[in-house]
Amino acid sequence: MNDIELKEFLDEKVQLYNNPKFIETDPIQVPHSFTTKEDIEISGFLVATIAWGNRKMIINNGKRLVEILDNSPYDFVMNHSNDDLKKLNNFVHRTFNDVDLKTFIISLKNIYTNHKGLEYLFSVNQEDNSVQKSISKFKSIFFEMEHLPRTEKHISDPMNNSAAKRINMMLRWFCRQDKNGVDFGIWKSISPAKLSCPLDVHSGNVARKLGLLNRKQNDAKALAELDFRLRTLDANDPVKYDFALFGLGVFEDFK
């Protein structure tokens, strides 16, 4: 299909999947259980961190995680004691374990106490057309606290050629101004035009099938290629097409 037909096809799929029903089957439902900005940010960041593997398992472990945080993520982060951290013992999602989670809680407290919060950290280092440098800088600040080297693998770095799928997904959640009520749009300091599509096996395969992506690896170079193509379809809201690519791959088995 030509570019006009491709845009029409993808726009139809965006309309099909970018609606409240999507929330019922997606990890974004976890932060949707909160109303305050900081609770949404912290729960969203944590559930995005564990968003790989079986979707049902991700959602169940995300719900369990916020229950462990007394269903008050921001209050727990800012006011936890060492005894409170013991509540996190035995939490595990695949390779993300309680040691990693404790490091994340301590690092989040440092970010809100000394670095003006998550939104500020991601917004302060953004470039003219990208937030990938911001992700890399965020990782370096996040791990300025004492931590085990093993925990660093749970935050990807685009400057090391990672597609950083989970962080880019989180940024879509927080930055995209979504009239349909799926994405939150609570971060006004980052333009949705700068966002990158969360690139994974499903979206990558669909993008290649549609001629949006040629590179075989799902890495930072592939992400830049996909970003360029999606921005030609909608320069102001390119990551809305994540709904189309993901929906085609997961729900329609588009191959």
C-alpha atoms as a PDB file:
ATOM      1  CA  MET A   1       0.000   0.000   0.000  1.00  0.00           C
ATOM      2  CA  ASN A   2       1.137   3.585  -0.576  1.00  0.00           C
ATOM      3  CA  ASP A   3       1.770   6.104   2.209  1.00  0.00           C
ATOM      4  CA  ILE A   4      -1.762   7.504   2.107  1.00  0.00           C
ATOM      5  CA  GLU A   5      -3.305   4.042   2.335  1.00  0.00           C
ATOM      6  CA  LEU A   6      -0.873   3.067   5.070  1.00  0.00           C
ATOM      7  CA  LYS A   7      -1.766   6.116   7.151  1.00  0.00           C
ATOM      8  CA  GLU A   8      -5.500   5.452   6.695  1.00  0.00           C
ATOM      9  CA  PHE A   9      -5.027   1.806   7.693  1.00  0.00           C
ATOM     10  CA  LEU A  10      -2.993   2.646  10.793  1.00  0.00           C
ATOM     11  CA  ASP A  11      -5.281   5.498  11.817  1.00  0.00           C
ATOM     12  CA  GLU A  12      -8.205   3.071  11.764  1.00  0.00           C
ATOM     13  CA  LYS A  13      -6.283   0.675  14.010  1.00  0.00           C
ATOM     14  CA  VAL A  14      -5.411   3.505  16.393  1.00  0.00           C
ATOM     15  CA  GLN A  15      -9.115   4.305  16.711  1.00  0.00           C
ATOM     16  CA  LEU A  16      -9.853   0.629  17.313  1.00  0.00           C
ATOM     17  CA  TYR A  17      -7.363   0.165  20.150  1.00  0.00           C
ATOM     18  CA  ASN A  18      -6.848   3.639  21.647  1.00  0.00           C
ATOM     19  CA  ASN A  19      -9.918   3.562  23.878  1.00  0.00           C
ATOM     20  CA  PRO A  20     -10.725   2.739  27.515  1.00  0.00           C
ATOM     21  CA  LYS A  21     -11.277  -0.951  26.736  1.00  0.00           C
ATOM     22  CA  PHE A  22      -7.533  -1.189  26.067  1.00  0.00           C
ATOM     23  CA  ILE A  23      -6.862  -0.383  29.731  1.00  0.00           C
ATOM     24  CA  GLU A  24      -8.556  -3.609  30.832  1.00  0.00           C
ATOM     25  CA  THR A  25      -5.884  -5.752  29.156  1.00  0.00           C
ATOM     26  CA  ASP A  26      -2.814  -3.572  29.646  1.00  0.00           C
ATOM     27  CA  PRO A  27      -0.383  -2.833  32.527  1.00  0.00           C
ATOM     28  CA  ILE A  28      -1.435   0.829  32.283  1.00  0.00           C
ATOM     29  CA  GLN A  29      -4.432  -0.198  34.398  1.00  0.00           C
ATOM     30  CA  VAL A  30      -2.169  -0.181  37.471  1.00  0.00           C
ATOM     31  CA  PRO A  31      -1.376   3.554  37.465  1.00  0.00           C
ATOM     32  CA  HIS A  32      -4.979   4.189  36.386  1.00  0.00           C
ATOM     33  CA  SER A  33      -6.011   3.129  39.890  1.00  0.00           C
ATOM     34  CA  PHE A  34      -4.496   6.387  41.219  1.00  0.00           C
ATOM     35  CA  THR A  35      -5.462  10.032  40.850  1.00  0.00           C
ATOM     36  CA  THR A  36      -2.552  12.093  42.187  1.00  0.00           C
ATOM     37  CA  LYS A  37       0.346  12.908  39.875  1.00  0.00           C
ATOM     38  CA  GLU A  38       3.087  11.403  42.036  1.00  0.00           C
ATOM     39  CA  ASP A  39       1.203   8.159  42.700  1.00  0.00           C
ATOM     40  CA  ILE A  40       0.559   7.770  38.967  1.00  0.00           C
ATOM     41  CA  GLU A  41       4.226   8.483  38.188  1.00  0.00           C
ATOM     42  CA  ILE A  42       5.710   6.075  40.690  1.00  0.00           C
ATOM     43  CA  SER A  43       3.268   3.215  40.104  1.00  0.00           C
ATOM     44  CA  GLY A  44       3.594   3.710  36.347  1.00  0.00           C
ATOM     45  CA  PHE A  45       7.374   3.762  36.480  1.00  0.00           C
ATOM     46  CA  LEU A  46       7.505   0.594  38.569  1.00  0.00           C
ATOM     47  CA  VAL A  47       4.989  -1.379  36.508  1.00  0.00           C
ATOM     48  CA  ALA A  48       6.688  -0.270  33.286  1.00  0.00           C
ATOM     49  CA  THR A  49       9.946  -1.578  34.738  1.00  0.00           C
ATOM     50  CA  ILE A  50       8.506  -5.080  35.061  1.00  0.00           C
ATOM     51  CA  ALA A  51       6.583  -4.933  31.773  1.00  0.00           C
ATOM     52  CA  TRP A  52       8.121  -7.854  29.976  1.00  0.00           C
ATOM     53  CA  GLY A  53       6.829 -11.380  29.659  1.00  0.00           C
ATOM     54  CA  ASN A  54       3.256 -12.581  30.093  1.00  0.00           C
ATOM     55  CA  ARG A  55       0.844  -9.639  30.203  1.00  0.00           C
ATOM     56  CA  LYS A  56      -1.406 -11.206  32.830  1.00  0.00           C
ATOM     57  CA  MET A  57       1.607 -11.852  35.040  1.00  0.00           C
ATOM     58  CA  ILE A  58       2.797  -8.266  34.572  1.00  0.00           C
ATOM     59  CA  ILE A  59      -0.586  -6.899  35.619  1.00  0.00           C
ATOM     60  CA  ASN A  60      -0.914  -9.236  38.608  1.00  0.00           C
ATOM     61  CA  ASN A  61       2.596  -8.473  39.845  1.00  0.00           C
ATOM     62  CA  GLY A  62       2.052  -4.767  39.256  1.00  0.00           C
ATOM     63  CA  LYS A  63      -1.053  -4.850  41.435  1.00  0.00           C
ATOM     64  CA  ARG A  64       0.792  -6.860  44.063  1.00  0.00           C
ATOM     65  CA  LEU A  65       3.638  -4.364  44.000  1.00  0.00           C
ATOM     66  CA  VAL A  66       1.433  -1.349  44.770  1.00  0.00           C
ATOM     67  CA  GLU A  67      -0.337  -3.330  47.491  1.00  0.00           C
ATOM     68  CA  ILE A  68       3.047  -3.902  49.115  1.00  0.00           C
ATOM     69  CA  LEU A  69       3.523  -0.128  48.960  1.00  0.00           C
ATOM     70  CA  ASP A  70       0.312   0.226  51.004  1.00  0.00           C
ATOM     71  CA  ASN A  71      -1.507   1.472  47.888  1.00  0.00           C
ATOM     72  CA  SER A  72       0.221   4.831  48.477  1.00  0.00           C
ATOM     73  CA  PRO A  73       3.362   4.683  46.300  1.00  0.00           C
ATOM     74  CA  TYR A  74       4.504   8.275  46.794  1.00  0.00           C
ATOM     75  CA  ASP A  75       3.966   8.245  50.557  1.00  0.00           C
ATOM     76  CA  PHE A  76       5.806   4.938  50.837  1.00  0.00           C
ATOM     77  CA  VAL A  77       8.726   6.187  48.771  1.00  0.00           C
ATOM     78  CA  MET A  78       9.089   9.420  50.723  1.00  0.00           C
ATOM     79  CA  ASN A  79       8.461   8.144  54.245  1.00  0.00           C
ATOM     80  CA  HIS A  80       9.555   4.501  54.337  1.00  0.00           C
ATOM     81  CA  SER A  81      11.729   3.146  57.124  1.00  0.00           C
ATOM     82  CA  ASN A  82      14.116   0.220  56.999  1.00  0.00           C
ATOM     83  CA  ASP A  83      11.407  -1.898  58.576  1.00  0.00           C
ATOM     84  CA  ASP A  84       9.000  -0.819  55.834  1.00  0.00           C
ATOM     85  CA  LEU A  85      11.462  -2.042  53.218  1.00  0.00           C
ATOM     86  CA  LYS A  86      11.178  -5.522  54.718  1.00  0.00           C
ATOM     87  CA  LYS A  87       7.657  -5.642  53.284  1.00  0.00           C
ATOM     88  CA  LEU A  88       9.312  -5.902  49.889  1.00  0.00           C
ATOM     89  CA  ASN A  89      11.080  -9.138  50.776  1.00  0.00           C
ATOM     90  CA  ASN A  90      10.339 -11.994  48.381  1.00  0.00           C
ATOM     91  CA  PHE A  91       8.850  -9.811  45.645  1.00  0.00           C
ATOM     92  CA  VAL A  92       9.941 -11.143  42.265  1.00  0.00           C
ATOM     93  CA  HIS A  93       8.990 -10.669  38.646  1.00  0.00           C
ATOM     94  CA  ARG A  94      11.210 -12.747  36.402  1.00  0.00           C
ATOM     95  CA  THR A  95      14.719 -11.364  37.084  1.00  0.00           C
ATOM     96  CA  PHE A  96      13.484  -8.283  38.971  1.00  0.00           C
ATOM     97  CA  ASN A  97      13.631  -9.193  42.651  1.00  0.00           C
ATOM     98  CA  ASP A  98      13.230  -7.638  46.092  1.00  0.00           C
ATOM     99  CA  VAL A  99      16.817  -6.350  46.135  1.00  0.00           C
ATOM    100  CA  ASP A 100      16.154  -4.494  42.894  1.00  0.00           C
ATOM    101  CA  LEU A 101      12.831  -3.166  44.171  1.00  0.00           C
ATOM    102  CA  LYS A 102      14.401  -1.813  47.372  1.00  0.00           C
ATOM    103  CA  THR A 103      17.050  -0.040  45.294  1.00  0.00           C
ATOM    104  CA  PHE A 104      14.316   1.472  43.127  1.00  0.00           C
ATOM    105  CA  ILE A 105      12.396   2.752  46.158  1.00  0.00           C
ATOM    106  CA  ILE A 106      15.510   4.332  47.670  1.00  0.00           C
ATOM    107  CA  SER A 107      16.512   5.865  44.335  1.00  0.00           C
ATOM    108  CA  LEU A 108      13.027   7.261  43.777  1.00  0.00           C
ATOM    109  CA  LYS A 109      13.183   8.973  47.155  1.00  0.00           C
ATOM    110  CA  ASN A 110      16.485  10.549  46.117  1.00  0.00           C
ATOM    111  CA  ILE A 111      14.946  11.729  42.844  1.00  0.00           C
ATOM    112  CA  TYR A 112      11.942  13.379  44.515  1.00  0.00           C
ATOM    113  CA  THR A 113      14.028  14.797  47.354  1.00  0.00           C
ATOM    114  CA  ASN A 114      17.086  16.046  45.468  1.00  0.00           C
ATOM    115  CA  HIS A 115      16.228  16.152  41.751  1.00  0.00           C
ATOM    116  CA  LYS A 116      12.738  17.716  41.619  1.00  0.00           C
ATOM    117  CA  GLY A 117      10.982  14.481  40.654  1.00  0.00           C
ATOM    118  CA  LEU A 118      10.649  12.163  37.685  1.00  0.00           C
ATOM    119  CA  GLU A 119       9.156  14.653  35.245  1.00  0.00           C
ATOM    120  CA  TYR A 120      11.889  17.219  35.816  1.00  0.00           C
ATOM    121  CA  LEU A 121      14.660  14.662  35.282  1.00  0.00           C
ATOM    122  CA  PHE A 122      13.253  13.517  31.964  1.00  0.00           C
ATOM    123  CA  SER A 123      12.443  17.014  30.755  1.00  0.00           C
ATOM    124  CA  VAL A 124      15.682  18.801  31.612  1.00  0.00           C
ATOM    125  CA  ASN A 125      17.922  16.865  29.201  1.00  0.00           C
ATOM    126  CA  GLN A 126      15.598  16.506  26.220  1.00  0.00           C
ATOM    127  CA  GLU A 127      16.847  17.402  22.757  1.00  0.00           C
ATOM    128  CA  ASP A 128      15.035  19.237  19.970  1.00  0.00           C
ATOM    129  CA  ASN A 129      13.415  16.104  18.529  1.00  0.00           C
ATOM    130  CA  SER A 130      14.059  13.337  21.048  1.00  0.00           C
ATOM    131  CA  VAL A 131      14.044  12.318  24.701  1.00  0.00           C
ATOM    132  CA  GLN A 132      16.451   9.423  24.268  1.00  0.00           C
ATOM    133  CA  LYS A 133      19.336  11.421  25.742  1.00  0.00           C
ATOM    134  CA  SER A 134      17.075  12.213  28.694  1.00  0.00           C
ATOM    135  CA  ILE A 135      16.579   8.495  29.304  1.00  0.00           C
ATOM    136  CA  SER A 136      20.329   7.924  29.361  1.00  0.00           C
ATOM    137  CA  LYS A 137      20.909  10.817  31.758  1.00  0.00           C
ATOM    138  CA  PHE A 138      18.050   9.628  33.940  1.00  0.00           C
ATOM    139  CA  LYS A 139      19.686   6.232  34.304  1.00  0.00           C
ATOM    140  CA  SER A 140      22.970   7.729  35.467  1.00  0.00           C
ATOM    141  CA  ILE A 141      21.221   9.816  38.114  1.00  0.00           C
ATOM    142  CA  PHE A 142      18.928   6.989  39.165  1.00  0.00           C
ATOM    143  CA  PHE A 143      21.926   4.826  39.986  1.00  0.00           C
ATOM    144  CA  GLU A 144      23.978   7.496  41.753  1.00  0.00           C
ATOM    145  CA  MET A 145      22.848   5.848  44.987  1.00  0.00           C
ATOM    146  CA  GLU A 146      24.623   2.758  46.322  1.00  0.00           C
ATOM    147  CA  HIS A 147      23.370  -0.308  44.477  1.00  0.00           C
ATOM    148  CA  LEU A 148      24.320  -3.725  43.169  1.00  0.00           C
ATOM    149  CA  PRO A 149      25.503  -3.756  39.534  1.00  0.00           C
ATOM    150  CA  ARG A 150      22.848  -6.378  38.691  1.00  0.00           C
ATOM    151  CA  THR A 151      20.070  -3.828  39.225  1.00  0.00           C
ATOM    152  CA  GLU A 152      21.308  -1.555  36.425  1.00  0.00           C
ATOM    153  CA  LYS A 153      20.016  -3.962  33.775  1.00  0.00           C
ATOM    154  CA  HIS A 154      16.445  -3.017  34.662  1.00  0.00           C
ATOM    155  CA  ILE A 155      16.769   0.446  33.137  1.00  0.00           C
ATOM    156  CA  SER A 156      17.908   0.538  29.513  1.00  0.00           C
ATOM    157  CA  ASP A 157      20.248   3.132  28.010  1.00  0.00           C
ATOM    158  CA  PRO A 158      19.609   4.358  24.454  1.00  0.00           C
ATOM    159  CA  MET A 159      23.182   5.618  24.290  1.00  0.00           C
ATOM    160  CA  ASN A 160      24.231   1.956  24.505  1.00  0.00           C
ATOM    161  CA  ASN A 161      22.039   1.186  21.469  1.00  0.00           C
ATOM    162  CA  SER A 162      19.020  -0.013  23.443  1.00  0.00           C
ATOM    163  CA  ALA A 163      15.504   0.633  22.133  1.00  0.00           C
ATOM    164  CA  ALA A 164      14.523   1.264  25.794  1.00  0.00           C
ATOM    165  CA  LYS A 165      11.052  -0.122  25.146  1.00  0.00           C
ATOM    166  CA  ARG A 166       9.732   0.049  28.699  1.00  0.00           C
ATOM    167  CA  ILE A 167      10.865   3.608  29.422  1.00  0.00           C
ATOM    168  CA  ASN A 168       9.518   4.802  26.071  1.00  0.00           C
ATOM    169  CA  MET A 169       6.214   3.126  26.903  1.00  0.00           C
ATOM    170  CA  MET A 170       6.120   4.920  30.243  1.00  0.00           C
ATOM    171  CA  LEU A 171       6.845   8.249  28.540  1.00  0.00           C
ATOM    172  CA  ARG A 172       3.930   7.612  26.175  1.00  0.00           C
ATOM    173  CA  TRP A 173       1.711   7.048  29.195  1.00  0.00           C
ATOM    174  CA  PHE A 174       2.754  10.262  30.928  1.00  0.00           C
ATOM    175  CA  CYS A 175       3.352  12.702  28.056  1.00  0.00           C
ATOM    176  CA  ARG A 176       0.868  11.864  25.332  1.00  0.00           C
ATOM    177  CA  GLN A 177      -2.224  14.082  25.389  1.00  0.00           C
ATOM    178  CA  ASP A 178      -4.868  11.412  24.873  1.00  0.00           C
ATOM    179  CA  LYS A 179      -8.463  12.543  24.369  1.00  0.00           C
ATOM    180  CA  ASN A 180      -9.605   8.919  24.620  1.00  0.00           C
ATOM    181  CA  GLY A 181      -8.487   8.463  28.219  1.00  0.00           C
ATOM    182  CA  VAL A 182      -5.826   5.766  27.933  1.00  0.00           C
ATOM    183  CA  ASP A 183      -2.603   7.779  28.247  1.00  0.00           C
ATOM    184  CA  PHE A 184      -2.486  10.276  31.108  1.00  0.00           C
ATOM    185  CA  GLY A 185      -0.876  13.379  29.602  1.00  0.00           C
ATOM    186  CA  ILE A 186       0.194  14.574  33.065  1.00  0.00           C
ATOM    187  CA  TRP A 187       3.680  15.660  31.936  1.00  0.00           C
ATOM    188  CA  LYS A 188       3.292  18.935  30.057  1.00  0.00           C
ATOM    189  CA  SER A 189       7.020  19.698  29.814  1.00  0.00           C
ATOM    190  CA  ILE A 190       7.725  17.079  27.116  1.00  0.00           C
ATOM    191  CA  SER A 191       6.046  17.368  23.724  1.00  0.00           C
ATOM    192  CA  PRO A 192       4.425  14.167  22.419  1.00  0.00           C
ATOM    193  CA  ALA A 193       6.124  14.990  19.104  1.00  0.00           C
ATOM    194  CA  LYS A 194       9.462  14.003  20.680  1.00  0.00           C
ATOM    195  CA  LEU A 195       8.343  10.598  21.925  1.00  0.00           C
ATOM    196  CA  SER A 196       9.542   7.288  20.515  1.00  0.00           C
ATOM    197  CA  CYS A 197       7.432   4.214  19.876  1.00  0.00           C
ATOM    198  CA  PRO A 198       7.926   1.387  22.399  1.00  0.00           C
ATOM    199  CA  LEU A 199       9.731  -1.034  20.104  1.00  0.00           C
ATOM    200  CA  ASP A 200       9.477  -4.724  20.941  1.00  0.00           C
ATOM    201  CA  VAL A 201       9.099  -8.034  19.123  1.00  0.00           C
ATOM    202  CA  HIS A 202       5.410  -7.460  18.289  1.00  0.00           C
ATOM    203  CA  SER A 203       5.599  -3.848  17.133  1.00  0.00           C
ATOM    204  CA  GLY A 204       8.878  -4.494  15.332  1.00  0.00           C
ATOM    205  CA  ASN A 205       7.534  -7.429  13.348  1.00  0.00           C
ATOM    206  CA  VAL A 206       4.397  -5.535  12.336  1.00  0.00           C
ATOM    207  CA  ALA A 207       6.428  -2.455  11.394  1.00  0.00           C
ATOM    208  CA  ARG A 208       8.633  -4.578   9.116  1.00  0.00           C
ATOM    209  CA  LYS A 209       5.626  -6.239   7.541  1.00  0.00           C
ATOM    210  CA  LEU A 210       4.171  -2.811   6.761  1.00  0.00           C
ATOM    211  CA  GLY A 211       7.438  -1.459   5.374  1.00  0.00           C
ATOM    212  CA  LEU A 212       7.952   1.005   8.228  1.00  0.00           C
ATOM    213  CA  LEU A 213      11.162  -0.624   9.387  1.00  0.00           C
ATOM    214  CA  ASN A 214      13.988  -2.363   7.562  1.00  0.00           C
ATOM    215  CA  ARG A 215      16.555  -2.970  10.297  1.00  0.00           C
ATOM    216  CA  LYS A 216      16.315  -6.492  11.683  1.00  0.00           C
ATOM    217  CA  GLN A 217      17.411  -5.819  15.266  1.00  0.00           C
ATOM    218  CA  ASN A 218      15.102  -4.088  17.726  1.00  0.00           C
ATOM    219  CA  ASP A 219      17.711  -1.592  18.922  1.00  0.00           C
ATOM    220  CA  ALA A 220      18.224   2.179  19.107  1.00  0.00           C
ATOM    221  CA  LYS A 221      19.069   2.409  15.404  1.00  0.00           C
ATOM    222  CA  ALA A 222      15.848   0.602  14.504  1.00  0.00           C
ATOM    223  CA  LEU A 223      13.946   2.907  16.845  1.00  0.00           C
ATOM    224  CA  ALA A 224      15.343   5.980  15.103  1.00  0.00           C
ATOM    225  CA  GLU A 225      14.301   4.527  11.746  1.00  0.00           C
ATOM    226  CA  LEU A 226      10.798   3.783  12.988  1.00  0.00           C
ATOM    227  CA  ASP A 227      10.516   7.210  14.627  1.00  0.00           C
ATOM    228  CA  PHE A 228      11.333   8.904  11.335  1.00  0.00           C
ATOM    229  CA  ARG A 229       8.645   6.981   9.474  1.00  0.00           C
ATOM    230  CA  LEU A 230       5.954   7.447  12.111  1.00  0.00           C
ATOM    231  CA  ARG A 231       6.622  11.175  12.279  1.00  0.00           C
ATOM    232  CA  THR A 232       5.916  11.430   8.560  1.00  0.00           C
ATOM    233  CA  LEU A 233       2.471   9.980   9.309  1.00  0.00           C
ATOM    234  CA  ASP A 234       1.770  12.279  12.261  1.00  0.00           C
ATOM    235  CA  ALA A 235       4.445  14.764  13.314  1.00  0.00           C
ATOM    236  CA  ASN A 236       2.548  15.890  16.408  1.00  0.00           C
ATOM    237  CA  ASP A 237       1.568  12.505  17.835  1.00  0.00           C
ATOM    238  CA  PRO A 238       3.726   9.781  16.256  1.00  0.00           C
ATOM    239  CA  VAL A 239       3.506   7.322  19.148  1.00  0.00           C
ATOM    240  CA  LYS A 240      -0.254   6.992  18.810  1.00  0.00           C
ATOM    241  CA  TYR A 241       0.707   4.369  16.245  1.00  0.00           C
ATOM    242  CA  ASP A 242       2.003   2.195  19.071  1.00  0.00           C
ATOM    243  CA  PHE A 243      -1.646   1.236  19.596  1.00  0.00           C
ATOM    244  CA  ALA A 244      -1.914   0.160  15.959  1.00  0.00           C
ATOM    245  CA  LEU A 245       1.369  -1.762  15.798  1.00  0.00           C
ATOM    246  CA  PHE A 246       0.858  -3.436  19.156  1.00  0.00           C
ATOM    247  CA  GLY A 247      -2.791  -4.233  18.508  1.00  0.00           C
ATOM    248  CA  LEU A 248      -2.066  -5.724  15.096  1.00  0.00           C
ATOM    249  CA  GLY A 249       0.691  -7.885  16.548  1.00  0.00           C
ATOM    250  CA  VAL A 250      -0.885  -9.047  19.799  1.00  0.00           C
ATOM    251  CA  PHE A 251      -4.624  -9.036  19.163  1.00  0.00           C
ATOM    252  CA  GLU A 252      -4.753  -9.726  15.412  1.00  0.00           C
ATOM    253  CA  ASP A 253      -1.620 -11.855  14.988  1.00  0.00           C
ATOM    254  CA  PHE A 254      -0.738  -9.726  11.964  1.00  0.00           C
ATOM    255  CA  LYS A 255       2.230 -11.302  10.179  1.00  0.00           C
END
